[in-house]
Amino acid sequence: MTTRLLLLFVVIATLAAQDAPTPFPDPTDEKAWPGVGPIRVHPWMKDNRAWFWTQRSKDAGKVVFVGDSLTGNWKDLGSSFPGLAVANRGIGGDGSRGVLFRLQEDVLDLKPRAMVLCIGSNDLSAHAAPADIIANIQAIIAKARAADATMPIVLCTTAPRDNPKAPTRPGAQADLNAHILALGKGQEHLAVLDLYAPLAEADGRPKANCFAADRLHLAAPGYAIWARELAPVLERLGVR
C-alpha cells in the first residue's frame, strides 16, 4: 500500500467521525470573519455546506474546485475532465472572504490532490477594493500551503461580465485580474489561468454564446472553454 493511499484511508476515517460543518459567523460581526472586505451570507449557503459535509469521505483525495456560482453551477464537472477525480465546492453568491472562512472544512480537510480556485466576481459586485480581494486570495493560498506545501493550485482570473444589475466600479475587474495574474509569477506548484481572455469579445464584453442571458453566469460553451483551457494547466502541474 502506497503512503498516499494509506493517508487517504486515514483521512476518510477521520472525516466520517465528524458531525457537521462549523456554522457561518454572524455576518454583522466583522471580527468573527477572517480576511477583509464584504461579508456575503445567503440562506442556501448553509444547505450547500451541509451537503458538502455528506460527501467528505467520498471526495477525499480528489481535485477540488472551489469558488462561487461559476464553479458551483458546473454541473457536468466530472465529465469535463474524464479520468480525473474531481469535487465541486462552489457556492453561489460566495466571495473571497467566505472561501477563506470555509476553506479548511470544505477543501483542505479532504487532503485534495489539487485545488482550482476561482473567486472574486461577487466581491466586485459588492464594490470591494481589488487590494482587499487579493489579500484574501493570498490568505487562501497561504492557508493551503500551510496544509500542503506542494499541493498543485490553479488560480483563475474572474470571467468577463456585463450585467447592469450587478455593476462593478470602473477599472476594478481589470485591476483585480492583473493582480491575480501577477500572483502566479515565480510560484512553485501554482499556476494562474486567465479565464477572461478566452471568454471575452474583442471589446471585452462576454461572448454571447458562452454566457447565460444575464451575461454573468456561464453557459455550457463557456464551461467547455474553461475545461479546454484548464486541462493543459493541470497537466503541467502534474495533475493527472
C-alpha atoms as a PDB file:
ATOM      1  CA  MET A   1       0.000   0.000   0.000  1.00  0.00           C
ATOM      2  CA  THR A   2       1.409   3.393  -1.009  1.00  0.00           C
ATOM      3  CA  THR A   3       1.865   6.170   1.523  1.00  0.00           C
ATOM      4  CA  ARG A   4      -0.701   8.342  -0.289  1.00  0.00           C
ATOM      5  CA  LEU A   5      -3.294   5.560  -0.281  1.00  0.00           C
ATOM      6  CA  LEU A   6      -2.717   4.920   3.416  1.00  0.00           C
ATOM      7  CA  LEU A   7      -3.113   8.633   4.118  1.00  0.00           C
ATOM      8  CA  LEU A   8      -6.424   8.666   2.247  1.00  0.00           C
ATOM      9  CA  PHE A   9      -7.737   5.803   4.371  1.00  0.00           C
ATOM     10  CA  VAL A  10      -6.824   7.763   7.500  1.00  0.00           C
ATOM     11  CA  VAL A  11      -8.432  10.931   6.128  1.00  0.00           C
ATOM     12  CA  ILE A  12     -11.654   9.112   5.195  1.00  0.00           C
ATOM     13  CA  ALA A  13     -11.906   7.547   8.655  1.00  0.00           C
ATOM     14  CA  THR A  14     -11.338  10.930  10.305  1.00  0.00           C
ATOM     15  CA  LEU A  15     -13.887  12.721   8.137  1.00  0.00           C
ATOM     16  CA  ALA A  16     -16.537  10.103   8.814  1.00  0.00           C
ATOM     17  CA  ALA A  17     -16.160  10.668  12.568  1.00  0.00           C
ATOM     18  CA  GLN A  18     -17.097  14.372  12.428  1.00  0.00           C
ATOM     19  CA  ASP A  19     -20.642  15.666  12.743  1.00  0.00           C
ATOM     20  CA  ALA A  20     -21.320  18.907  10.842  1.00  0.00           C
ATOM     21  CA  PRO A  21     -19.649  21.996   9.386  1.00  0.00           C
ATOM     22  CA  THR A  22     -18.861  24.963  11.571  1.00  0.00           C
ATOM     23  CA  PRO A  23     -21.739  27.465  11.170  1.00  0.00           C
ATOM     24  CA  PHE A  24     -21.075  30.744   9.427  1.00  0.00           C
ATOM     25  CA  PRO A  25     -20.352  33.521  11.937  1.00  0.00           C
ATOM     26  CA  ASP A  26     -22.765  36.398  12.389  1.00  0.00           C
ATOM     27  CA  PRO A  27     -22.375  38.442   9.172  1.00  0.00           C
ATOM     28  CA  THR A  28     -22.580  41.643  11.221  1.00  0.00           C
ATOM     29  CA  ASP A  29     -19.628  40.604  13.387  1.00  0.00           C
ATOM     30  CA  GLU A  30     -16.651  41.824  11.406  1.00  0.00           C
ATOM     31  CA  LYS A  31     -14.112  40.411  13.851  1.00  0.00           C
ATOM     32  CA  ALA A  32     -15.553  36.890  13.643  1.00  0.00           C
ATOM     33  CA  TRP A  33     -14.566  36.537   9.986  1.00  0.00           C
ATOM     34  CA  PRO A  34     -11.084  36.051   8.578  1.00  0.00           C
ATOM     35  CA  GLY A  35      -9.923  38.362   5.833  1.00  0.00           C
ATOM     36  CA  VAL A  36     -11.095  41.802   4.791  1.00  0.00           C
ATOM     37  CA  GLY A  37     -13.887  43.312   2.719  1.00  0.00           C
ATOM     38  CA  PRO A  38     -17.536  42.380   2.123  1.00  0.00           C
ATOM     39  CA  ILE A  39     -19.174  39.525   4.028  1.00  0.00           C
ATOM     40  CA  ARG A  40     -21.755  37.640   1.993  1.00  0.00           C
ATOM     41  CA  VAL A  41     -24.084  35.075   3.579  1.00  0.00           C
ATOM     42  CA  HIS A  42     -27.223  33.750   1.886  1.00  0.00           C
ATOM     43  CA  PRO A  43     -29.729  31.174   3.209  1.00  0.00           C
ATOM     44  CA  TRP A  44     -28.769  28.483   0.692  1.00  0.00           C
ATOM     45  CA  MET A  45     -25.106  28.553   1.716  1.00  0.00           C
ATOM     46  CA  LYS A  46     -25.848  26.600   4.902  1.00  0.00           C
ATOM     47  CA  ASP A  47     -27.615  23.927   2.846  1.00  0.00           C
ATOM     48  CA  ASN A  48     -24.744  23.785   0.368  1.00  0.00           C
ATOM     49  CA  ARG A  49     -22.222  23.231   3.120  1.00  0.00           C
ATOM     50  CA  ALA A  50     -24.425  20.614   4.809  1.00  0.00           C
ATOM     51  CA  TRP A  51     -24.496  18.716   1.503  1.00  0.00           C
ATOM     52  CA  PHE A  52     -20.726  19.048   1.098  1.00  0.00           C
ATOM     53  CA  TRP A  53     -20.370  17.549   4.559  1.00  0.00           C
ATOM     54  CA  THR A  54     -22.190  14.377   3.497  1.00  0.00           C
ATOM     55  CA  GLN A  55     -19.735  13.992   0.609  1.00  0.00           C
ATOM     56  CA  ARG A  56     -16.487  14.452   2.522  1.00  0.00           C
ATOM     57  CA  SER A  57     -15.407  10.833   2.704  1.00  0.00           C
ATOM     58  CA  LYS A  58     -16.335  10.226  -0.948  1.00  0.00           C
ATOM     59  CA  ASP A  59     -14.446  13.301  -2.137  1.00  0.00           C
ATOM     60  CA  ALA A  60     -11.237  12.794  -0.157  1.00  0.00           C
ATOM     61  CA  GLY A  61      -8.139  12.976  -2.325  1.00  0.00           C
ATOM     62  CA  LYS A  62      -9.864  14.480  -5.369  1.00  0.00           C
ATOM     63  CA  VAL A  63      -9.090  17.650  -7.302  1.00  0.00           C
ATOM     64  CA  VAL A  64     -11.283  20.198  -5.525  1.00  0.00           C
ATOM     65  CA  PHE A  65     -12.813  23.163  -7.366  1.00  0.00           C
ATOM     66  CA  VAL A  66     -13.800  25.988  -5.022  1.00  0.00           C
ATOM     67  CA  GLY A  67     -15.411  29.345  -5.640  1.00  0.00           C
ATOM     68  CA  ASP A  68     -18.769  30.973  -6.298  1.00  0.00           C
ATOM     69  CA  SER A  69     -21.651  30.163  -8.680  1.00  0.00           C
ATOM     70  CA  LEU A  70     -19.373  29.985 -11.715  1.00  0.00           C
ATOM     71  CA  THR A  71     -17.859  26.919 -10.084  1.00  0.00           C
ATOM     72  CA  GLY A  72     -20.979  25.717  -8.295  1.00  0.00           C
ATOM     73  CA  ASN A  73     -23.049  25.696 -11.497  1.00  0.00           C
ATOM     74  CA  TRP A  74     -20.554  23.456 -13.315  1.00  0.00           C
ATOM     75  CA  LYS A  75     -22.941  20.516 -13.191  1.00  0.00           C
ATOM     76  CA  ASP A  76     -21.001  18.265 -15.580  1.00  0.00           C
ATOM     77  CA  LEU A  77     -17.663  18.916 -13.903  1.00  0.00           C
ATOM     78  CA  GLY A  78     -16.796  15.212 -13.772  1.00  0.00           C
ATOM     79  CA  SER A  79     -17.451  14.579 -17.464  1.00  0.00           C
ATOM     80  CA  SER A  80     -15.458  17.712 -18.352  1.00  0.00           C
ATOM     81  CA  PHE A  81     -12.305  16.021 -17.019  1.00  0.00           C
ATOM     82  CA  PRO A  82     -12.535  12.325 -17.932  1.00  0.00           C
ATOM     83  CA  GLY A  83     -10.234  10.149 -15.898  1.00  0.00           C
ATOM     84  CA  LEU A  84      -9.732  12.804 -13.228  1.00  0.00           C
ATOM     85  CA  ALA A  85     -11.467  12.529  -9.846  1.00  0.00           C
ATOM     86  CA  VAL A  86     -12.962  15.954  -9.117  1.00  0.00           C
ATOM     87  CA  ALA A  87     -15.134  17.516  -6.407  1.00  0.00           C
ATOM     88  CA  ASN A  88     -17.140  20.743  -6.601  1.00  0.00           C
ATOM     89  CA  ARG A  89     -17.138  23.124  -3.642  1.00  0.00           C
ATOM     90  CA  GLY A  90     -18.536  26.207  -5.344  1.00  0.00           C
ATOM     91  CA  ILE A  91     -21.336  28.158  -3.648  1.00  0.00           C
ATOM     92  CA  GLY A  92     -23.473  30.745  -5.409  1.00  0.00           C
ATOM     93  CA  GLY A  93     -23.027  34.247  -4.046  1.00  0.00           C
ATOM     94  CA  ASP A  94     -19.805  33.459  -2.207  1.00  0.00           C
ATOM     95  CA  GLY A  95     -16.916  35.873  -2.004  1.00  0.00           C
ATOM     96  CA  SER A  96     -13.231  35.606  -1.224  1.00  0.00           C
ATOM     97  CA  ARG A  97     -13.830  36.114   2.479  1.00  0.00           C
ATOM     98  CA  GLY A  98     -16.386  33.297   2.555  1.00  0.00           C
ATOM     99  CA  VAL A  99     -13.997  30.901   0.831  1.00  0.00           C
ATOM    100  CA  LEU A 100     -11.303  31.834   3.324  1.00  0.00           C
ATOM    101  CA  PHE A 101     -13.674  31.018   6.189  1.00  0.00           C
ATOM    102  CA  ARG A 102     -14.785  27.631   4.846  1.00  0.00           C
ATOM    103  CA  LEU A 103     -11.529  26.575   3.164  1.00  0.00           C
ATOM    104  CA  GLN A 104     -10.372  24.238   5.912  1.00  0.00           C
ATOM    105  CA  GLU A 105     -13.537  22.158   6.233  1.00  0.00           C
ATOM    106  CA  ASP A 106     -14.797  22.291   2.652  1.00  0.00           C
ATOM    107  CA  VAL A 107     -11.446  21.843   0.911  1.00  0.00           C
ATOM    108  CA  LEU A 108      -8.310  21.240   2.959  1.00  0.00           C
ATOM    109  CA  ASP A 109      -9.797  18.572   5.219  1.00  0.00           C
ATOM    110  CA  LEU A 110     -10.251  16.487   2.063  1.00  0.00           C
ATOM    111  CA  LYS A 111      -6.466  16.373   1.525  1.00  0.00           C
ATOM    112  CA  PRO A 112      -7.095  17.314  -2.105  1.00  0.00           C
ATOM    113  CA  ARG A 113      -4.937  16.101  -4.966  1.00  0.00           C
ATOM    114  CA  ALA A 114      -5.051  19.696  -6.222  1.00  0.00           C
ATOM    115  CA  MET A 115      -7.164  22.833  -5.817  1.00  0.00           C
ATOM    116  CA  VAL A 116      -8.730  25.016  -8.517  1.00  0.00           C
ATOM    117  CA  LEU A 117      -9.772  28.408  -7.147  1.00  0.00           C
ATOM    118  CA  CYS A 118     -11.992  30.914  -8.952  1.00  0.00           C
ATOM    119  CA  ILE A 119     -13.266  33.712  -6.732  1.00  0.00           C
ATOM    120  CA  GLY A 120     -13.718  37.476  -6.752  1.00  0.00           C
ATOM    121  CA  SER A 121     -16.679  38.203  -9.019  1.00  0.00           C
ATOM    122  CA  ASN A 122     -19.127  38.673  -6.142  1.00  0.00           C
ATOM    123  CA  ASP A 123     -16.585  40.812  -4.327  1.00  0.00           C
ATOM    124  CA  LEU A 124     -16.591  43.068  -7.383  1.00  0.00           C
ATOM    125  CA  SER A 125     -20.407  43.184  -7.293  1.00  0.00           C
ATOM    126  CA  ALA A 126     -20.133  44.335  -3.667  1.00  0.00           C
ATOM    127  CA  HIS A 127     -17.641  47.022  -4.774  1.00  0.00           C
ATOM    128  CA  ALA A 128     -14.797  45.560  -2.740  1.00  0.00           C
ATOM    129  CA  ALA A 129     -11.389  47.103  -3.225  1.00  0.00           C
ATOM    130  CA  PRO A 130      -9.281  44.895  -5.533  1.00  0.00           C
ATOM    131  CA  ALA A 131      -6.464  45.099  -2.977  1.00  0.00           C
ATOM    132  CA  ASP A 132      -8.732  43.539  -0.343  1.00  0.00           C
ATOM    133  CA  ILE A 133      -9.781  40.728  -2.690  1.00  0.00           C
ATOM    134  CA  ILE A 134      -6.143  39.994  -3.482  1.00  0.00           C
ATOM    135  CA  ALA A 135      -5.295  39.991   0.231  1.00  0.00           C
ATOM    136  CA  ASN A 136      -7.974  37.348   0.811  1.00  0.00           C
ATOM    137  CA  ILE A 137      -6.799  35.264  -2.145  1.00  0.00           C
ATOM    138  CA  GLN A 138      -3.239  35.420  -0.829  1.00  0.00           C
ATOM    139  CA  ALA A 139      -4.519  34.304   2.580  1.00  0.00           C
ATOM    140  CA  ILE A 140      -6.338  31.375   0.934  1.00  0.00           C
ATOM    141  CA  ILE A 141      -3.162  30.320  -0.842  1.00  0.00           C
ATOM    142  CA  ALA A 142      -1.101  30.713   2.329  1.00  0.00           C
ATOM    143  CA  LYS A 143      -3.551  28.560   4.281  1.00  0.00           C
ATOM    144  CA  ALA A 144      -3.468  25.907   1.575  1.00  0.00           C
ATOM    145  CA  ARG A 145       0.323  25.992   1.550  1.00  0.00           C
ATOM    146  CA  ALA A 146       0.425  25.591   5.334  1.00  0.00           C
ATOM    147  CA  ALA A 147      -1.661  22.444   4.949  1.00  0.00           C
ATOM    148  CA  ASP A 148       0.285  21.050   1.985  1.00  0.00           C
ATOM    149  CA  ALA A 149       3.361  22.861   0.723  1.00  0.00           C
ATOM    150  CA  THR A 150       3.428  21.042  -2.619  1.00  0.00           C
ATOM    151  CA  MET A 151      -0.264  20.752  -3.477  1.00  0.00           C
ATOM    152  CA  PRO A 152      -0.858  21.967  -7.045  1.00  0.00           C
ATOM    153  CA  ILE A 153      -3.036  25.089  -7.095  1.00  0.00           C
ATOM    154  CA  VAL A 154      -4.655  26.686 -10.140  1.00  0.00           C
ATOM    155  CA  LEU A 155      -5.842  30.233  -9.543  1.00  0.00           C
ATOM    156  CA  CYS A 156      -8.302  31.564 -12.131  1.00  0.00           C
ATOM    157  CA  THR A 157      -8.942  35.171 -13.024  1.00  0.00           C
ATOM    158  CA  THR A 158     -12.515  36.419 -12.963  1.00  0.00           C
ATOM    159  CA  ALA A 159     -14.508  35.901 -16.156  1.00  0.00           C
ATOM    160  CA  PRO A 160     -15.899  38.788 -18.213  1.00  0.00           C
ATOM    161  CA  ARG A 161     -19.253  40.138 -17.075  1.00  0.00           C
ATOM    162  CA  ASP A 162     -21.777  42.693 -18.289  1.00  0.00           C
ATOM    163  CA  ASN A 163     -24.849  42.684 -16.077  1.00  0.00           C
ATOM    164  CA  PRO A 164     -26.403  46.125 -15.468  1.00  0.00           C
ATOM    165  CA  LYS A 165     -27.975  44.866 -12.232  1.00  0.00           C
ATOM    166  CA  ALA A 166     -24.525  43.979 -10.861  1.00  0.00           C
ATOM    167  CA  PRO A 167     -22.238  46.808 -11.969  1.00  0.00           C
ATOM    168  CA  THR A 168     -18.624  46.987 -10.902  1.00  0.00           C
ATOM    169  CA  ARG A 169     -16.515  50.017 -10.213  1.00  0.00           C
ATOM    170  CA  PRO A 170     -14.777  51.285 -13.372  1.00  0.00           C
ATOM    171  CA  GLY A 171     -11.451  49.524 -13.828  1.00  0.00           C
ATOM    172  CA  ALA A 172     -11.867  47.296 -10.775  1.00  0.00           C
ATOM    173  CA  GLN A 173     -12.074  43.990 -12.630  1.00  0.00           C
ATOM    174  CA  ALA A 174      -9.094  44.765 -14.843  1.00  0.00           C
ATOM    175  CA  ASP A 175      -7.123  45.763 -11.750  1.00  0.00           C
ATOM    176  CA  LEU A 176      -8.105  42.594  -9.902  1.00  0.00           C
ATOM    177  CA  ASN A 177      -7.293  40.294 -12.807  1.00  0.00           C
ATOM    178  CA  ALA A 178      -3.916  41.959 -13.376  1.00  0.00           C
ATOM    179  CA  HIS A 179      -3.006  41.300  -9.752  1.00  0.00           C
ATOM    180  CA  ILE A 180      -4.253  37.704  -9.938  1.00  0.00           C
ATOM    181  CA  LEU A 181      -2.080  37.095 -12.994  1.00  0.00           C
ATOM    182  CA  ALA A 182       0.891  38.550 -11.128  1.00  0.00           C
ATOM    183  CA  LEU A 183       0.395  36.120  -8.230  1.00  0.00           C
ATOM    184  CA  GLY A 184       1.469  33.226 -10.434  1.00  0.00           C
ATOM    185  CA  LYS A 185       4.869  34.631 -11.323  1.00  0.00           C
ATOM    186  CA  GLY A 186       7.737  32.658  -9.843  1.00  0.00           C
ATOM    187  CA  GLN A 187       5.460  30.466  -7.736  1.00  0.00           C
ATOM    188  CA  GLU A 188       6.202  26.767  -7.472  1.00  0.00           C
ATOM    189  CA  HIS A 189       3.219  24.388  -7.644  1.00  0.00           C
ATOM    190  CA  LEU A 190       0.929  27.305  -8.543  1.00  0.00           C
ATOM    191  CA  ALA A 191      -0.363  28.388 -11.932  1.00  0.00           C
ATOM    192  CA  VAL A 192      -2.754  31.128 -12.974  1.00  0.00           C
ATOM    193  CA  LEU A 193      -5.385  30.524 -15.651  1.00  0.00           C
ATOM    194  CA  ASP A 194      -6.705  33.578 -17.452  1.00  0.00           C
ATOM    195  CA  LEU A 195     -10.445  32.976 -17.855  1.00  0.00           C
ATOM    196  CA  TYR A 196     -11.140  36.476 -19.085  1.00  0.00           C
ATOM    197  CA  ALA A 197      -9.401  36.431 -22.460  1.00  0.00           C
ATOM    198  CA  PRO A 198     -10.904  33.236 -23.958  1.00  0.00           C
ATOM    199  CA  LEU A 199     -14.432  34.191 -22.840  1.00  0.00           C
ATOM    200  CA  ALA A 200     -14.392  37.822 -23.987  1.00  0.00           C
ATOM    201  CA  GLU A 201     -15.055  39.525 -27.296  1.00  0.00           C
ATOM    202  CA  ALA A 202     -12.514  41.961 -28.698  1.00  0.00           C
ATOM    203  CA  ASP A 203     -14.252  44.816 -26.849  1.00  0.00           C
ATOM    204  CA  GLY A 204     -14.041  42.955 -23.521  1.00  0.00           C
ATOM    205  CA  ARG A 205     -17.714  42.026 -23.306  1.00  0.00           C
ATOM    206  CA  PRO A 206     -18.713  38.424 -22.596  1.00  0.00           C
ATOM    207  CA  LYS A 207     -19.055  36.174 -25.642  1.00  0.00           C
ATOM    208  CA  ALA A 208     -22.815  35.824 -26.005  1.00  0.00           C
ATOM    209  CA  ASN A 209     -22.811  32.074 -26.691  1.00  0.00           C
ATOM    210  CA  CYS A 210     -20.645  31.380 -23.623  1.00  0.00           C
ATOM    211  CA  PHE A 211     -22.908  33.058 -21.077  1.00  0.00           C
ATOM    212  CA  ALA A 212     -26.447  32.858 -19.776  1.00  0.00           C
ATOM    213  CA  ALA A 213     -28.897  35.654 -20.577  1.00  0.00           C
ATOM    214  CA  ASP A 214     -27.693  37.592 -17.525  1.00  0.00           C
ATOM    215  CA  ARG A 215     -24.217  37.925 -19.081  1.00  0.00           C
ATOM    216  CA  LEU A 216     -22.802  36.986 -15.720  1.00  0.00           C
ATOM    217  CA  HIS A 217     -23.121  33.214 -15.382  1.00  0.00           C
ATOM    218  CA  LEU A 218     -21.583  30.726 -17.772  1.00  0.00           C
ATOM    219  CA  ALA A 219     -23.484  28.598 -20.268  1.00  0.00           C
ATOM    220  CA  ALA A 220     -22.350  25.164 -21.474  1.00  0.00           C
ATOM    221  CA  PRO A 221     -19.994  26.526 -24.187  1.00  0.00           C
ATOM    222  CA  GLY A 222     -18.335  28.701 -21.547  1.00  0.00           C
ATOM    223  CA  TYR A 223     -17.664  25.706 -19.345  1.00  0.00           C
ATOM    224  CA  ALA A 224     -16.306  23.830 -22.348  1.00  0.00           C
ATOM    225  CA  ILE A 225     -13.792  26.635 -22.904  1.00  0.00           C
ATOM    226  CA  TRP A 226     -12.867  26.670 -19.219  1.00  0.00           C
ATOM    227  CA  ALA A 227     -12.225  22.917 -19.315  1.00  0.00           C
ATOM    228  CA  ARG A 228     -10.221  23.227 -22.536  1.00  0.00           C
ATOM    229  CA  GLU A 229      -8.009  25.955 -21.073  1.00  0.00           C
ATOM    230  CA  LEU A 230      -7.623  24.295 -17.683  1.00  0.00           C
ATOM    231  CA  ALA A 231      -6.724  20.762 -18.795  1.00  0.00           C
ATOM    232  CA  PRO A 232      -3.175  21.566 -20.023  1.00  0.00           C
ATOM    233  CA  VAL A 233      -2.514  23.704 -16.933  1.00  0.00           C
ATOM    234  CA  LEU A 234      -3.347  20.765 -14.665  1.00  0.00           C
ATOM    235  CA  GLU A 235      -1.184  18.550 -16.854  1.00  0.00           C
ATOM    236  CA  ARG A 236       1.789  20.905 -16.470  1.00  0.00           C
ATOM    237  CA  LEU A 237       1.352  20.806 -12.694  1.00  0.00           C
ATOM    238  CA  GLY A 238       1.445  17.009 -12.782  1.00  0.00           C
ATOM    239  CA  VAL A 239      -2.261  16.563 -12.018  1.00  0.00           C
ATOM    240  CA  ARG A 240      -3.436  13.539 -13.982  1.00  0.00           C
END
